[in-house]
Amino acid sequence: MNIYLLDDDKNVLNILKIIIKERKLGKVCGFATDGSDGLEDLEHLKPDIVMVDMLMPKMDGITFIKEARKKVPDAAYIMLSQVSSKDIIGAAYEAGIQFYIQKPLNSIEIENVITNVTKNLTMQRTLEKMQNIFLTEMSPPVREKQEMEEDNMESSLAVVQKILKRLGIAGEAGSRDILQIVEYLLKNPEQMQEATLNDWCSHFSDVPKSMEQRIRRTASAGMVNLANMGIEDYGNETFSEYSNTLYNFEQVKKEMDYIRGKSEKHGNIKIKNFIHGLILYSQGD
């Protein structure tokens, strides 16, 4: 991952460079001490990850991120700050950050956050590729990997089961249906792209619409639980990871606003993306 650093304190920049280099977290492709210089750099460097200080002269971190996302919308943004106000942290997440790190910097936390962000970016990019690649274009080694042996299948389903527990939906009626769909798609990867959720459900139920509704209700319950985690703590590990992979962060944010009474609309869920995400996690990607 190419990482860009922005902080008006040169000592902080040097510390971040050392941590990233020594822990092999990526490559520092550029840095700046001023927001305007940073915006100019981003257009040319197109980094994967941008680490931004909250409090800077001339342009604060939140303003910078709002402008930066217009230039590099696919980058992941990490905020650094001594500020602990929930309102400010919330505003930073609304601006588009994925993680918020409190100063003074801790090398272990820096490593964990960058590792998490890298994992999320990889997941998102793989999902995008899955949506645009047909099985006929896949190489034989990929097909062989997808034809998993029984022991690997059990391991994969155990990963999915663990994720459903983390989302608080393992006990929902649709969780069993979700596991069935995941297992079916792992065995029949050609069905992932062209078939609909209703098509998948028709392999297991004479009334596929009912099964589909159970799955949608369960996935929706997962979003509600995730939104409540975010309201309580934006830094919650489960919230940070799955709001950007299994779900769309903007939609999770809408659900949070609904729960807070700020909106009359729930967040939307793309069920196929949700299922695809579970499959990617189950394969260890």
Protein backbone atom coordinates (compact mmCIF):
# COMPACT_ATOMS: atom_id res chain seq x y z
CA MET A 1 0.00 0.00 0.00
CA ASN A 2 1.17 3.53 -0.84
CA ILE A 3 0.69 5.74 2.22
CA TYR A 4 0.59 9.55 2.27
CA LEU A 5 1.22 11.48 5.51
CA LEU A 6 -0.11 14.94 6.44
CA ASP A 7 0.78 16.57 9.77
CA ASP A 8 2.10 20.03 10.64
CA ASP A 9 4.41 18.45 13.24
CA LYS A 10 7.56 17.13 11.53
CA ASN A 11 8.35 14.94 14.54
CA VAL A 12 5.03 13.11 14.07
CA LEU A 13 5.82 12.62 10.37
CA ASN A 14 9.21 11.14 11.22
CA ILE A 15 7.69 8.79 13.82
CA LEU A 16 5.08 7.57 11.33
CA LYS A 17 7.74 7.00 8.66
CA ILE A 18 9.82 4.91 11.06
CA ILE A 19 6.85 2.80 12.21
CA ILE A 20 5.64 2.17 8.65
CA LYS A 21 9.12 1.24 7.43
CA GLU A 22 10.21 -0.91 10.37
CA ARG A 23 6.93 -2.81 10.55
CA LYS A 24 6.70 -3.16 6.78
CA LEU A 25 3.20 -1.68 6.62
CA GLY A 26 3.58 -0.12 3.19
CA LYS A 27 5.51 2.57 1.35
CA VAL A 28 5.41 6.26 2.30
CA CYS A 29 4.85 7.79 -1.15
CA GLY A 30 4.77 11.38 0.07
CA PHE A 31 4.15 13.78 2.97
CA ALA A 32 3.31 17.39 3.72
CA THR A 33 2.85 19.76 6.65
CA ASP A 34 0.15 21.86 4.98
CA GLY A 35 -3.30 20.85 3.68
CA SER A 36 -3.01 22.78 0.43
CA ASP A 37 0.28 21.08 -0.44
CA GLY A 38 -1.28 17.75 0.48
CA LEU A 39 -4.22 18.24 -1.89
CA GLU A 40 -1.84 19.10 -4.70
CA ASP A 41 0.24 15.96 -4.03
CA LEU A 42 -2.76 13.63 -3.94
CA GLU A 43 -3.73 14.39 -7.54
CA HIS A 44 -0.39 13.08 -8.75
CA LEU A 45 0.44 10.37 -6.20
CA LYS A 46 -2.99 8.67 -5.92
CA PRO A 47 -2.14 6.94 -2.59
CA ASP A 48 -4.03 3.97 -1.18
CA ILE A 49 -4.03 5.29 2.40
CA VAL A 50 -3.89 8.88 3.67
CA MET A 51 -3.06 9.64 7.32
CA VAL A 52 -4.22 13.14 8.33
CA ASP A 53 -3.77 15.28 11.42
CA MET A 54 -7.00 16.81 12.73
CA LEU A 55 -5.69 20.16 14.00
CA MET A 56 -3.57 22.00 11.43
CA PRO A 57 -3.21 25.72 10.63
CA LYS A 58 -4.96 27.07 7.52
CA MET A 59 -6.91 23.84 6.83
CA ASP A 60 -8.16 21.37 9.46
CA GLY A 61 -8.17 17.62 8.87
CA ILE A 62 -11.93 17.30 8.29
CA THR A 63 -11.92 20.02 5.62
CA PHE A 64 -8.90 18.41 4.01
CA ILE A 65 -10.57 14.99 3.83
CA LYS A 66 -13.74 16.41 2.28
CA GLU A 67 -11.64 18.01 -0.47
CA ALA A 68 -9.28 15.06 -0.80
CA ARG A 69 -12.11 12.59 -1.38
CA LYS A 70 -13.11 14.58 -4.47
CA LYS A 71 -9.63 13.99 -5.88
CA VAL A 72 -8.93 10.48 -4.56
CA PRO A 73 -12.30 8.92 -3.64
CA ASP A 74 -10.97 5.37 -3.50
CA ALA A 75 -8.29 6.07 -0.89
CA ALA A 76 -8.76 5.14 2.77
CA TYR A 77 -8.41 8.00 5.26
CA ILE A 78 -7.07 7.72 8.83
CA MET A 79 -7.39 10.64 11.25
CA LEU A 80 -4.77 11.47 13.90
CA SER A 81 -5.68 13.79 16.78
CA GLN A 82 -5.38 14.64 20.44
CA VAL A 83 -9.06 15.61 20.42
CA SER A 84 -11.36 13.14 22.18
CA SER A 85 -14.71 14.88 21.62
CA LYS A 86 -17.34 12.40 20.37
CA ASP A 87 -18.91 15.10 18.20
CA ILE A 88 -15.64 15.84 16.44
CA ILE A 89 -14.82 12.15 16.06
CA GLY A 90 -18.30 11.61 14.62
CA ALA A 91 -17.80 14.50 12.19
CA ALA A 92 -14.52 12.93 11.08
CA TYR A 93 -16.23 9.61 10.33
CA GLU A 94 -19.00 11.42 8.47
CA ALA A 95 -16.34 13.16 6.39
CA GLY A 96 -15.13 9.75 5.25
CA ILE A 97 -12.41 8.40 7.55
CA GLN A 98 -12.13 4.71 8.32
CA PHE A 99 -10.23 4.94 11.61
CA TYR A 100 -9.49 7.57 14.26
CA ILE A 101 -6.20 7.34 16.18
CA GLN A 102 -5.65 9.27 19.41
CA LYS A 103 -2.35 11.04 19.98
CA PRO A 104 0.23 10.50 21.40
CA LEU A 105 0.93 7.82 18.80
CA ASN A 106 1.30 4.20 19.78
CA SER A 107 3.26 2.01 17.36
CA ILE A 108 1.11 -1.07 18.05
CA GLU A 109 -2.11 0.86 17.40
CA ILE A 110 -0.64 2.36 14.21
CA GLU A 111 0.27 -1.13 12.98
CA ASN A 112 -3.14 -2.59 13.84
CA VAL A 113 -5.04 0.26 12.16
CA ILE A 114 -3.00 0.25 8.94
CA THR A 115 -3.25 -3.56 8.79
CA ASN A 116 -7.04 -3.31 9.22
CA VAL A 117 -7.38 -0.59 6.59
CA THR A 118 -5.24 -2.58 4.16
CA LYS A 119 -7.48 -5.59 4.73
CA ASN A 120 -10.61 -3.51 4.11
CA LEU A 121 -9.21 -1.97 0.94
CA THR A 122 -8.22 -5.38 -0.37
CA MET A 123 -11.70 -6.69 0.40
CA GLN A 124 -13.42 -3.79 -1.38
CA ARG A 125 -11.22 -4.09 -4.46
CA THR A 126 -11.71 -7.83 -4.64
CA LEU A 127 -15.48 -7.37 -4.42
CA GLU A 128 -15.33 -4.95 -7.33
CA LYS A 129 -13.33 -7.44 -9.38
CA MET A 130 -15.80 -10.22 -8.57
CA GLN A 131 -18.63 -8.11 -9.93
CA ASN A 132 -16.85 -7.63 -13.26
CA ILE A 133 -15.18 -10.96 -13.90
CA PHE A 134 -17.01 -13.98 -15.29
CA LEU A 135 -15.95 -17.48 -14.34
CA THR A 136 -14.95 -18.21 -17.93
CA GLU A 137 -12.26 -15.56 -17.62
CA MET A 138 -10.81 -17.12 -14.48
CA SER A 139 -7.64 -19.14 -14.66
CA PRO A 140 -7.69 -22.89 -13.87
CA PRO A 141 -5.89 -22.38 -10.53
CA VAL A 142 -8.73 -20.12 -9.38
CA ARG A 143 -11.31 -22.75 -10.32
CA GLU A 144 -9.33 -25.38 -8.43
CA LYS A 145 -9.25 -23.18 -5.36
CA GLN A 146 -13.00 -22.67 -5.53
CA GLU A 147 -13.64 -26.42 -5.69
CA MET A 148 -12.88 -26.73 -2.02
CA GLU A 149 -12.46 -30.05 -0.28
CA GLU A 150 -14.86 -30.95 2.48
CA ASP A 151 -12.52 -30.00 5.32
CA ASN A 152 -11.88 -26.60 3.77
CA MET A 153 -15.62 -26.13 3.34
CA GLU A 154 -16.20 -26.75 7.04
CA SER A 155 -13.47 -24.27 7.88
CA SER A 156 -14.95 -21.67 5.53
CA LEU A 157 -18.44 -22.03 6.99
CA ALA A 158 -16.98 -21.75 10.49
CA VAL A 159 -15.50 -18.36 9.49
CA VAL A 160 -18.89 -17.19 8.23
CA GLN A 161 -20.58 -18.43 11.41
CA LYS A 162 -18.07 -16.45 13.48
CA ILE A 163 -18.81 -13.28 11.49
CA LEU A 164 -22.56 -13.73 11.96
CA LYS A 165 -21.94 -14.03 15.72
CA ARG A 166 -19.88 -10.84 15.72
CA LEU A 167 -22.76 -9.08 13.96
CA GLY A 168 -25.16 -10.47 16.56
CA ILE A 169 -27.29 -12.34 14.01
CA ALA A 170 -26.16 -15.96 14.40
CA GLY A 171 -29.42 -16.74 16.20
CA GLU A 172 -31.63 -15.15 13.53
CA ALA A 173 -33.83 -17.43 11.41
CA GLY A 174 -32.07 -16.36 8.23
CA SER A 175 -28.56 -17.19 9.47
CA ARG A 176 -28.99 -20.86 8.52
CA ASP A 177 -30.23 -19.77 5.09
CA ILE A 178 -27.18 -17.55 4.66
CA LEU A 179 -24.86 -20.45 5.50
CA GLN A 180 -26.67 -22.63 2.95
CA ILE A 181 -26.29 -19.98 0.25
CA VAL A 182 -22.59 -19.47 1.03
CA GLU A 183 -21.93 -23.21 0.87
CA TYR A 184 -23.85 -23.49 -2.40
CA LEU A 185 -21.90 -20.64 -4.01
CA LEU A 186 -18.56 -22.01 -2.86
CA LYS A 187 -19.45 -25.25 -4.63
CA ASN A 188 -20.99 -23.49 -7.65
CA PRO A 189 -18.98 -20.28 -8.17
CA GLU A 190 -20.42 -19.80 -11.64
CA GLN A 191 -23.70 -18.85 -9.93
CA MET A 192 -22.18 -15.88 -8.11
CA GLN A 193 -22.37 -13.34 -10.90
CA GLU A 194 -25.45 -13.91 -13.02
CA ALA A 195 -27.95 -15.56 -10.68
CA THR A 196 -30.20 -13.56 -8.36
CA LEU A 197 -30.83 -14.13 -4.66
CA ASN A 198 -34.17 -15.64 -5.58
CA ASP A 199 -32.41 -18.05 -7.95
CA TRP A 200 -30.08 -19.14 -5.17
CA CYS A 201 -32.95 -19.63 -2.74
CA SER A 202 -34.91 -21.71 -5.25
CA HIS A 203 -32.34 -24.50 -4.82
CA PHE A 204 -33.33 -24.91 -1.18
CA SER A 205 -36.97 -23.91 -0.89
CA ASP A 206 -40.24 -24.42 -2.72
CA VAL A 207 -41.07 -20.90 -1.58
CA PRO A 208 -37.82 -19.06 -2.35
CA LYS A 209 -39.40 -15.67 -1.64
CA SER A 210 -39.82 -16.60 2.03
CA MET A 211 -36.20 -17.71 2.29
CA GLU A 212 -35.08 -14.52 0.58
CA GLN A 213 -37.08 -12.41 3.05
CA ARG A 214 -35.49 -14.25 6.00
CA ILE A 215 -32.03 -13.51 4.60
CA ARG A 216 -32.86 -9.85 4.03
CA ARG A 217 -34.28 -9.48 7.56
CA THR A 218 -31.18 -11.12 9.04
CA ALA A 219 -28.76 -8.95 7.03
CA SER A 220 -30.81 -5.88 8.03
CA ALA A 221 -30.61 -6.88 11.69
CA GLY A 222 -26.84 -7.07 11.26
CA MET A 223 -26.78 -3.51 9.92
CA VAL A 224 -28.90 -2.29 12.85
CA ASN A 225 -26.53 -3.95 15.33
CA LEU A 226 -23.53 -2.51 13.50
CA ALA A 227 -25.08 0.98 13.51
CA ASN A 228 -25.68 0.77 17.25
CA MET A 229 -22.04 -0.26 17.76
CA GLY A 230 -20.96 2.80 15.78
CA ILE A 231 -23.21 5.12 17.77
CA GLU A 232 -21.71 3.83 21.00
CA ASP A 233 -18.10 3.76 19.76
CA TYR A 234 -16.86 4.72 16.28
CA GLY A 235 -13.65 2.85 17.08
CA ASN A 236 -15.43 -0.47 17.69
CA GLU A 237 -13.44 -3.15 15.84
CA THR A 238 -16.49 -4.95 14.45
CA PHE A 239 -18.05 -1.67 13.29
CA SER A 240 -14.83 -0.48 11.62
CA GLU A 241 -14.28 -3.71 9.73
CA TYR A 242 -17.72 -4.73 8.49
CA SER A 243 -19.26 -1.29 7.86
CA ASN A 244 -16.79 -0.93 5.00
CA THR A 245 -16.86 -4.48 3.62
CA LEU A 246 -20.06 -6.46 4.14
CA TYR A 247 -22.04 -3.22 4.18
CA ASN A 248 -21.63 0.23 2.62
CA PHE A 249 -20.49 2.80 5.19
CA GLU A 250 -22.75 5.53 3.81
CA GLN A 251 -25.76 3.24 4.23
CA VAL A 252 -24.69 2.25 7.75
CA LYS A 253 -24.43 5.97 8.51
CA LYS A 254 -28.00 6.43 7.26
CA GLU A 255 -29.12 3.67 9.63
CA MET A 256 -27.30 5.42 12.48
CA ASP A 257 -29.13 8.65 11.64
CA TYR A 258 -32.44 6.75 11.60
CA ILE A 259 -31.73 5.28 15.05
CA ARG A 260 -30.81 8.73 16.37
CA GLY A 261 -34.05 10.15 14.97
CA LYS A 262 -32.23 12.39 12.48
CA SER A 263 -33.71 10.66 9.43
CA GLU A 264 -36.88 8.83 8.50
CA LYS A 265 -35.07 6.44 6.13
CA HIS A 266 -33.23 3.23 6.96
CA GLY A 267 -29.91 2.35 5.36
CA ASN A 268 -30.10 0.10 2.28
CA ILE A 269 -28.36 -3.24 1.88
CA LYS A 270 -27.11 -4.92 -1.27
CA ILE A 271 -27.63 -8.55 -0.32
CA LYS A 272 -25.45 -9.95 -3.11
CA ASN A 273 -22.55 -7.77 -1.95
CA PHE A 274 -23.18 -8.95 1.60
CA ILE A 275 -23.06 -12.60 0.52
CA HIS A 276 -20.01 -12.03 -1.71
CA GLY A 277 -18.25 -10.38 1.23
CA LEU A 278 -18.92 -13.37 3.47
CA ILE A 279 -17.51 -15.67 0.79
CA LEU A 280 -14.34 -13.60 0.50
CA TYR A 281 -13.86 -13.70 4.27
CA SER A 282 -14.46 -17.47 4.25
CA GLN A 283 -11.70 -17.91 1.68
CA GLY A 284 -9.28 -15.84 3.68
CA ASP A 285 -8.94 -13.06 1.09
